[in-house]
mmCIF file of all heavy atoms, coordinates in Angstrom:
data_MODEL
# 
_entry.id   MODEL 
# 
loop_
_atom_site.group_PDB 
_atom_site.id 
_atom_site.type_symbol 
_atom_site.label_atom_id 
_atom_site.label_alt_id 
_atom_site.label_comp_id 
_atom_site.label_asym_id 
_atom_site.label_entity_id 
_atom_site.label_seq_id 
_atom_site.pdbx_PDB_ins_code 
_atom_site.Cartn_x 
_atom_site.Cartn_y 
_atom_site.Cartn_z 
_atom_site.occupancy 
_atom_site.B_iso_or_equiv 
_atom_site.pdbx_formal_charge 
_atom_site.auth_seq_id 
_atom_site.auth_comp_id 
_atom_site.auth_asym_id 
_atom_site.auth_atom_id 
_atom_site.pdbx_PDB_model_num 
ATOM 1   N N   . VAL A 1 1  ? -64.882 110.700 -61.750 1.00 0.00 ? 1  VAL A N   1 
ATOM 2   C CA  . VAL A 1 1  ? -64.308 112.010 -62.003 1.00 0.00 ? 1  VAL A CA  1 
ATOM 3   C C   . VAL A 1 1  ? -63.980 112.093 -63.474 1.00 0.00 ? 1  VAL A C   1 
ATOM 4   O O   . VAL A 1 1  ? -63.493 111.220 -64.135 1.00 0.00 ? 1  VAL A O   1 
ATOM 5   C CB  . VAL A 1 1  ? -62.876 112.044 -61.277 1.00 0.00 ? 1  VAL A CB  1 
ATOM 6   C CG1 . VAL A 1 1  ? -61.967 113.332 -61.733 1.00 0.00 ? 1  VAL A CG1 1 
ATOM 7   C CG2 . VAL A 1 1  ? -63.040 112.139 -59.771 1.00 0.00 ? 1  VAL A CG2 1 
ATOM 8   N N   . LEU A 1 2  ? -64.438 113.297 -64.007 1.00 0.00 ? 2  LEU A N   1 
ATOM 9   C CA  . LEU A 1 2  ? -64.221 113.594 -65.406 1.00 0.00 ? 2  LEU A CA  1 
ATOM 10  C C   . LEU A 1 2  ? -63.037 114.598 -65.443 1.00 0.00 ? 2  LEU A C   1 
ATOM 11  O O   . LEU A 1 2  ? -63.170 115.709 -64.907 1.00 0.00 ? 2  LEU A O   1 
ATOM 12  C CB  . LEU A 1 2  ? -65.547 114.281 -66.055 1.00 0.00 ? 2  LEU A CB  1 
ATOM 13  C CG  . LEU A 1 2  ? -66.787 113.481 -66.145 1.00 0.00 ? 2  LEU A CG  1 
ATOM 14  C CD1 . LEU A 1 2  ? -67.811 114.233 -66.920 1.00 0.00 ? 2  LEU A CD1 1 
ATOM 15  C CD2 . LEU A 1 2  ? -66.515 112.077 -66.784 1.00 0.00 ? 2  LEU A CD2 1 
ATOM 16  N N   . ASN A 1 3  ? -62.065 114.302 -66.170 1.00 0.00 ? 3  ASN A N   1 
ATOM 17  C CA  . ASN A 1 3  ? -60.942 115.118 -66.325 1.00 0.00 ? 3  ASN A CA  1 
ATOM 18  C C   . ASN A 1 3  ? -61.056 115.909 -67.672 1.00 0.00 ? 3  ASN A C   1 
ATOM 19  O O   . ASN A 1 3  ? -60.807 115.410 -68.776 1.00 0.00 ? 3  ASN A O   1 
ATOM 20  C CB  . ASN A 1 3  ? -59.673 114.329 -66.399 1.00 0.00 ? 3  ASN A CB  1 
ATOM 21  C CG  . ASN A 1 3  ? -58.386 115.101 -66.581 1.00 0.00 ? 3  ASN A CG  1 
ATOM 22  O OD1 . ASN A 1 3  ? -58.478 116.441 -66.504 1.00 0.00 ? 3  ASN A OD1 1 
ATOM 23  N ND2 . ASN A 1 3  ? -57.178 114.532 -66.525 1.00 0.00 ? 3  ASN A ND2 1 
ATOM 24  N N   . ALA A 1 4  ? -61.482 117.124 -67.436 1.00 0.00 ? 4  ALA A N   1 
ATOM 25  C CA  . ALA A 1 4  ? -61.694 118.132 -68.620 1.00 0.00 ? 4  ALA A CA  1 
ATOM 26  C C   . ALA A 1 4  ? -60.830 119.360 -68.336 1.00 0.00 ? 4  ALA A C   1 
ATOM 27  O O   . ALA A 1 4  ? -61.238 120.416 -68.543 1.00 0.00 ? 4  ALA A O   1 
ATOM 28  C CB  . ALA A 1 4  ? -63.131 118.449 -68.760 1.00 0.00 ? 4  ALA A CB  1 
ATOM 29  N N   . ALA A 1 5  ? -59.607 119.099 -67.956 1.00 0.00 ? 5  ALA A N   1 
ATOM 30  C CA  . ALA A 1 5  ? -58.754 120.191 -67.465 1.00 0.00 ? 5  ALA A CA  1 
ATOM 31  C C   . ALA A 1 5  ? -57.925 120.895 -68.605 1.00 0.00 ? 5  ALA A C   1 
ATOM 32  O O   . ALA A 1 5  ? -57.010 121.629 -68.269 1.00 0.00 ? 5  ALA A O   1 
ATOM 33  C CB  . ALA A 1 5  ? -57.759 119.711 -66.404 1.00 0.00 ? 5  ALA A CB  1 
ATOM 34  N N   . GLY A 1 6  ? -58.245 120.560 -69.805 1.00 0.00 ? 6  GLY A N   1 
ATOM 35  C CA  . GLY A 1 6  ? -57.667 121.285 -70.989 1.00 0.00 ? 6  GLY A CA  1 
ATOM 36  C C   . GLY A 1 6  ? -56.189 120.978 -71.067 1.00 0.00 ? 6  GLY A C   1 
ATOM 37  O O   . GLY A 1 6  ? -55.723 119.804 -70.935 1.00 0.00 ? 6  GLY A O   1 
ATOM 38  N N   . ALA A 1 7  ? -55.338 122.018 -71.245 1.00 0.00 ? 7  ALA A N   1 
ATOM 39  C CA  . ALA A 1 7  ? -53.865 121.834 -71.426 1.00 0.00 ? 7  ALA A CA  1 
ATOM 40  C C   . ALA A 1 7  ? -53.277 121.259 -70.117 1.00 0.00 ? 7  ALA A C   1 
ATOM 41  O O   . ALA A 1 7  ? -52.026 120.742 -70.185 1.00 0.00 ? 7  ALA A O   1 
ATOM 42  C CB  . ALA A 1 7  ? -53.163 123.160 -71.641 1.00 0.00 ? 7  ALA A CB  1 
ATOM 43  N N   . TRP A 1 8  ? -53.922 121.313 -68.960 1.00 0.00 ? 8  TRP A N   1 
ATOM 44  C CA  . TRP A 1 8  ? -53.412 120.776 -67.727 1.00 0.00 ? 8  TRP A CA  1 
ATOM 45  C C   . TRP A 1 8  ? -53.916 119.385 -67.360 1.00 0.00 ? 8  TRP A C   1 
ATOM 46  O O   . TRP A 1 8  ? -53.676 118.853 -66.297 1.00 0.00 ? 8  TRP A O   1 
ATOM 47  C CB  . TRP A 1 8  ? -53.879 121.796 -66.566 1.00 0.00 ? 8  TRP A CB  1 
ATOM 48  C CG  . TRP A 1 8  ? -53.109 123.041 -66.540 1.00 0.00 ? 8  TRP A CG  1 
ATOM 49  C CD1 . TRP A 1 8  ? -52.046 123.459 -65.809 1.00 0.00 ? 8  TRP A CD1 1 
ATOM 50  C CD2 . TRP A 1 8  ? -53.496 124.225 -67.360 1.00 0.00 ? 8  TRP A CD2 1 
ATOM 51  N NE1 . TRP A 1 8  ? -51.669 124.738 -66.067 1.00 0.00 ? 8  TRP A NE1 1 
ATOM 52  C CE2 . TRP A 1 8  ? -52.557 125.286 -67.023 1.00 0.00 ? 8  TRP A CE2 1 
ATOM 53  C CE3 . TRP A 1 8  ? -54.415 124.512 -68.312 1.00 0.00 ? 8  TRP A CE3 1 
ATOM 54  C CZ2 . TRP A 1 8  ? -52.518 126.478 -67.614 1.00 0.00 ? 8  TRP A CZ2 1 
ATOM 55  C CZ3 . TRP A 1 8  ? -54.474 125.752 -68.933 1.00 0.00 ? 8  TRP A CZ3 1 
ATOM 56  C CH2 . TRP A 1 8  ? -53.533 126.713 -68.618 1.00 0.00 ? 8  TRP A CH2 1 
ATOM 57  N N   . ALA A 1 9  ? -54.626 118.773 -68.422 1.00 0.00 ? 9  ALA A N   1 
ATOM 58  C CA  . ALA A 1 9  ? -55.216 117.393 -68.071 1.00 0.00 ? 9  ALA A CA  1 
ATOM 59  C C   . ALA A 1 9  ? -54.164 116.333 -67.727 1.00 0.00 ? 9  ALA A C   1 
ATOM 60  O O   . ALA A 1 9  ? -54.584 115.368 -67.040 1.00 0.00 ? 9  ALA A O   1 
ATOM 61  C CB  . ALA A 1 9  ? -56.111 116.952 -69.323 1.00 0.00 ? 9  ALA A CB  1 
ATOM 62  N N   . GLY A 1 10 ? -52.900 116.524 -68.133 1.00 0.00 ? 10 GLY A N   1 
ATOM 63  C CA  . GLY A 1 10 ? -52.022 115.449 -67.940 1.00 0.00 ? 10 GLY A CA  1 
ATOM 64  C C   . GLY A 1 10 ? -51.313 115.610 -66.642 1.00 0.00 ? 10 GLY A C   1 
ATOM 65  O O   . GLY A 1 10 ? -50.462 114.798 -66.228 1.00 0.00 ? 10 GLY A O   1 
ATOM 66  N N   . LEU A 1 11 ? -51.661 116.636 -65.775 1.00 0.00 ? 11 LEU A N   1 
ATOM 67  C CA  . LEU A 1 11 ? -50.998 116.965 -64.517 1.00 0.00 ? 11 LEU A CA  1 
ATOM 68  C C   . LEU A 1 11 ? -51.831 116.684 -63.338 1.00 0.00 ? 11 LEU A C   1 
ATOM 69  O O   . LEU A 1 11 ? -51.477 117.072 -62.254 1.00 0.00 ? 11 LEU A O   1 
ATOM 70  C CB  . LEU A 1 11 ? -50.605 118.458 -64.531 1.00 0.00 ? 11 LEU A CB  1 
ATOM 71  C CG  . LEU A 1 11 ? -49.666 118.978 -65.713 1.00 0.00 ? 11 LEU A CG  1 
ATOM 72  C CD1 . LEU A 1 11 ? -49.417 120.409 -65.519 1.00 0.00 ? 11 LEU A CD1 1 
ATOM 73  C CD2 . LEU A 1 11 ? -48.444 118.093 -65.780 1.00 0.00 ? 11 LEU A CD2 1 
ATOM 74  N N   . LEU A 1 12 ? -52.979 115.924 -63.515 1.00 0.00 ? 12 LEU A N   1 
ATOM 75  C CA  . LEU A 1 12 ? -53.848 115.612 -62.334 1.00 0.00 ? 12 LEU A CA  1 
ATOM 76  C C   . LEU A 1 12 ? -53.085 114.661 -61.397 1.00 0.00 ? 12 LEU A C   1 
ATOM 77  O O   . LEU A 1 12 ? -52.979 113.519 -61.731 1.00 0.00 ? 12 LEU A O   1 
ATOM 78  C CB  . LEU A 1 12 ? -55.137 115.172 -62.828 1.00 0.00 ? 12 LEU A CB  1 
ATOM 79  C CG  . LEU A 1 12 ? -56.192 114.780 -61.755 1.00 0.00 ? 12 LEU A CG  1 
ATOM 80  C CD1 . LEU A 1 12 ? -56.644 115.993 -60.983 1.00 0.00 ? 12 LEU A CD1 1 
ATOM 81  C CD2 . LEU A 1 12 ? -57.381 114.086 -62.386 1.00 0.00 ? 12 LEU A CD2 1 
ATOM 82  N N   . PRO A 1 13 ? -52.784 115.019 -60.255 1.00 0.00 ? 13 PRO A N   1 
ATOM 83  C CA  . PRO A 1 13 ? -52.135 114.127 -59.256 1.00 0.00 ? 13 PRO A CA  1 
ATOM 84  C C   . PRO A 1 13 ? -52.989 112.900 -59.009 1.00 0.00 ? 13 PRO A C   1 
ATOM 85  O O   . PRO A 1 13 ? -54.159 113.005 -58.877 1.00 0.00 ? 13 PRO A O   1 
ATOM 86  C CB  . PRO A 1 13 ? -51.910 114.963 -57.985 1.00 0.00 ? 13 PRO A CB  1 
ATOM 87  C CG  . PRO A 1 13 ? -51.860 116.402 -58.459 1.00 0.00 ? 13 PRO A CG  1 
ATOM 88  C CD  . PRO A 1 13 ? -52.962 116.405 -59.596 1.00 0.00 ? 13 PRO A CD  1 
ATOM 89  N N   . GLY A 1 14 ? -52.200 111.750 -58.891 1.00 0.00 ? 14 GLY A N   1 
ATOM 90  C CA  . GLY A 1 14 ? -52.946 110.517 -58.577 1.00 0.00 ? 14 GLY A CA  1 
ATOM 91  C C   . GLY A 1 14 ? -53.288 109.727 -59.838 1.00 0.00 ? 14 GLY A C   1 
ATOM 92  O O   . GLY A 1 14 ? -53.690 108.618 -59.705 1.00 0.00 ? 14 GLY A O   1 
ATOM 93  N N   . ASP A 1 15 ? -53.290 110.305 -60.992 1.00 0.00 ? 15 ASP A N   1 
ATOM 94  C CA  . ASP A 1 15 ? -53.737 109.634 -62.205 1.00 0.00 ? 15 ASP A CA  1 
ATOM 95  C C   . ASP A 1 15 ? -52.633 108.587 -62.537 1.00 0.00 ? 15 ASP A C   1 
ATOM 96  O O   . ASP A 1 15 ? -51.504 108.954 -62.780 1.00 0.00 ? 15 ASP A O   1 
ATOM 97  C CB  . ASP A 1 15 ? -53.864 110.643 -63.393 1.00 0.00 ? 15 ASP A CB  1 
ATOM 98  C CG  . ASP A 1 15 ? -54.415 110.020 -64.644 1.00 0.00 ? 15 ASP A CG  1 
ATOM 99  O OD1 . ASP A 1 15 ? -54.484 108.687 -64.709 1.00 0.00 ? 15 ASP A OD1 1 
ATOM 100 O OD2 . ASP A 1 15 ? -54.850 110.647 -65.531 1.00 0.00 ? 15 ASP A OD2 1 
ATOM 101 N N   . PRO A 1 16 ? -53.026 107.291 -62.533 1.00 0.00 ? 16 PRO A N   1 
ATOM 102 C CA  . PRO A 1 16 ? -52.009 106.241 -62.765 1.00 0.00 ? 16 PRO A CA  1 
ATOM 103 C C   . PRO A 1 16 ? -51.460 106.238 -64.254 1.00 0.00 ? 16 PRO A C   1 
ATOM 104 O O   . PRO A 1 16 ? -50.439 105.670 -64.487 1.00 0.00 ? 16 PRO A O   1 
ATOM 105 C CB  . PRO A 1 16 ? -52.668 104.974 -62.442 1.00 0.00 ? 16 PRO A CB  1 
ATOM 106 C CG  . PRO A 1 16 ? -54.168 105.288 -62.561 1.00 0.00 ? 16 PRO A CG  1 
ATOM 107 C CD  . PRO A 1 16 ? -54.286 106.733 -62.208 1.00 0.00 ? 16 PRO A CD  1 
ATOM 108 N N   . ALA A 1 17 ? -52.259 106.785 -65.149 1.00 0.00 ? 17 ALA A N   1 
ATOM 109 C CA  . ALA A 1 17 ? -51.806 106.812 -66.555 1.00 0.00 ? 17 ALA A CA  1 
ATOM 110 C C   . ALA A 1 17 ? -52.262 108.185 -67.183 1.00 0.00 ? 17 ALA A C   1 
ATOM 111 O O   . ALA A 1 17 ? -53.159 108.254 -68.003 1.00 0.00 ? 17 ALA A O   1 
ATOM 112 C CB  . ALA A 1 17 ? -52.572 105.710 -67.304 1.00 0.00 ? 17 ALA A CB  1 
ATOM 113 N N   . PRO A 1 18 ? -51.463 109.185 -66.901 1.00 0.00 ? 18 PRO A N   1 
ATOM 114 C CA  . PRO A 1 18 ? -51.871 110.536 -67.328 1.00 0.00 ? 18 PRO A CA  1 
ATOM 115 C C   . PRO A 1 18 ? -51.928 110.631 -68.931 1.00 0.00 ? 18 PRO A C   1 
ATOM 116 O O   . PRO A 1 18 ? -51.021 110.085 -69.489 1.00 0.00 ? 18 PRO A O   1 
ATOM 117 C CB  . PRO A 1 18 ? -50.689 111.419 -66.771 1.00 0.00 ? 18 PRO A CB  1 
ATOM 118 C CG  . PRO A 1 18 ? -50.044 110.627 -65.655 1.00 0.00 ? 18 PRO A CG  1 
ATOM 119 C CD  . PRO A 1 18 ? -50.229 109.274 -66.071 1.00 0.00 ? 18 PRO A CD  1 
ATOM 120 N N   . PRO A 1 19 ? -52.904 111.348 -69.380 1.00 0.00 ? 19 PRO A N   1 
ATOM 121 C CA  . PRO A 1 19 ? -52.955 111.423 -70.887 1.00 0.00 ? 19 PRO A CA  1 
ATOM 122 C C   . PRO A 1 19 ? -51.848 112.314 -71.322 1.00 0.00 ? 19 PRO A C   1 
ATOM 123 O O   . PRO A 1 19 ? -51.451 113.306 -70.715 1.00 0.00 ? 19 PRO A O   1 
ATOM 124 C CB  . PRO A 1 19 ? -54.241 112.091 -71.134 1.00 0.00 ? 19 PRO A CB  1 
ATOM 125 C CG  . PRO A 1 19 ? -54.594 112.885 -69.851 1.00 0.00 ? 19 PRO A CG  1 
ATOM 126 C CD  . PRO A 1 19 ? -53.987 112.031 -68.711 1.00 0.00 ? 19 PRO A CD  1 
ATOM 127 N N   . PRO A 1 20 ? -51.230 112.018 -72.529 1.00 0.00 ? 20 PRO A N   1 
ATOM 128 C CA  . PRO A 1 20 ? -50.137 112.903 -73.056 1.00 0.00 ? 20 PRO A CA  1 
ATOM 129 C C   . PRO A 1 20 ? -50.693 114.214 -73.687 1.00 0.00 ? 20 PRO A C   1 
ATOM 130 O O   . PRO A 1 20 ? -50.543 114.365 -74.880 1.00 0.00 ? 20 PRO A O   1 
ATOM 131 C CB  . PRO A 1 20 ? -49.492 111.965 -74.093 1.00 0.00 ? 20 PRO A CB  1 
ATOM 132 C CG  . PRO A 1 20 ? -50.606 111.130 -74.577 1.00 0.00 ? 20 PRO A CG  1 
ATOM 133 C CD  . PRO A 1 20 ? -51.534 110.903 -73.321 1.00 0.00 ? 20 PRO A CD  1 
ATOM 134 N N   . ILE A 1 21 ? -51.182 115.018 -72.878 1.00 0.00 ? 21 ILE A N   1 
ATOM 135 C CA  . ILE A 1 21 ? -51.753 116.327 -73.349 1.00 0.00 ? 21 ILE A CA  1 
ATOM 136 C C   . ILE A 1 21 ? -50.801 117.427 -72.953 1.00 0.00 ? 21 ILE A C   1 
ATOM 137 O O   . ILE A 1 21 ? -50.321 117.486 -71.855 1.00 0.00 ? 21 ILE A O   1 
ATOM 138 C CB  . ILE A 1 21 ? -53.150 116.602 -72.721 1.00 0.00 ? 21 ILE A CB  1 
ATOM 139 C CG1 . ILE A 1 21 ? -54.148 115.544 -73.323 1.00 0.00 ? 21 ILE A CG1 1 
ATOM 140 C CG2 . ILE A 1 21 ? -53.591 117.979 -73.040 1.00 0.00 ? 21 ILE A CG2 1 
ATOM 141 C CD1 . ILE A 1 21 ? -55.567 115.659 -72.750 1.00 0.00 ? 21 ILE A CD1 1 
ATOM 142 N N   . VAL A 1 22 ? -50.392 118.298 -73.850 1.00 0.00 ? 22 VAL A N   1 
ATOM 143 C CA  . VAL A 1 22 ? -49.455 119.345 -73.716 1.00 0.00 ? 22 VAL A CA  1 
ATOM 144 C C   . VAL A 1 22 ? -49.993 120.637 -74.207 1.00 0.00 ? 22 VAL A C   1 
ATOM 145 O O   . VAL A 1 22 ? -50.767 120.623 -75.041 1.00 0.00 ? 22 VAL A O   1 
ATOM 146 C CB  . VAL A 1 22 ? -48.139 119.020 -74.407 1.00 0.00 ? 22 VAL A CB  1 
ATOM 147 C CG1 . VAL A 1 22 ? -47.499 117.744 -73.915 1.00 0.00 ? 22 VAL A CG1 1 
ATOM 148 C CG2 . VAL A 1 22 ? -48.292 118.921 -75.901 1.00 0.00 ? 22 VAL A CG2 1 
ATOM 149 N N   . PRO A 1 23 ? -49.501 121.784 -73.657 1.00 0.00 ? 23 PRO A N   1 
ATOM 150 C CA  . PRO A 1 23 ? -49.989 123.067 -73.998 1.00 0.00 ? 23 PRO A CA  1 
ATOM 151 C C   . PRO A 1 23 ? -49.389 123.412 -75.434 1.00 0.00 ? 23 PRO A C   1 
ATOM 152 O O   . PRO A 1 23 ? -48.195 123.243 -75.701 1.00 0.00 ? 23 PRO A O   1 
ATOM 153 C CB  . PRO A 1 23 ? -49.590 123.949 -72.971 1.00 0.00 ? 23 PRO A CB  1 
ATOM 154 C CG  . PRO A 1 23 ? -48.308 123.280 -72.363 1.00 0.00 ? 23 PRO A CG  1 
ATOM 155 C CD  . PRO A 1 23 ? -48.538 121.893 -72.491 1.00 0.00 ? 23 PRO A CD  1 
ATOM 156 N N   . VAL A 1 24 ? -50.251 124.107 -76.315 1.00 0.00 ? 24 VAL A N   1 
ATOM 157 C CA  . VAL A 1 24 ? -49.865 124.637 -77.607 1.00 0.00 ? 24 VAL A CA  1 
ATOM 158 C C   . VAL A 1 24 ? -50.407 126.042 -77.689 1.00 0.00 ? 24 VAL A C   1 
ATOM 159 O O   . VAL A 1 24 ? -51.574 126.231 -77.675 1.00 0.00 ? 24 VAL A O   1 
ATOM 160 C CB  . VAL A 1 24 ? -50.410 123.812 -78.706 1.00 0.00 ? 24 VAL A CB  1 
ATOM 161 C CG1 . VAL A 1 24 ? -49.853 124.339 -80.036 1.00 0.00 ? 24 VAL A CG1 1 
ATOM 162 C CG2 . VAL A 1 24 ? -49.993 122.335 -78.516 1.00 0.00 ? 24 VAL A CG2 1 
# 
């Protein structure tokens, strides 16, 4: 799975270590 969800990339359920990506 490639997570390229932009500002929502840190919100993918099930990710054990979500990236600290926030909307600006």
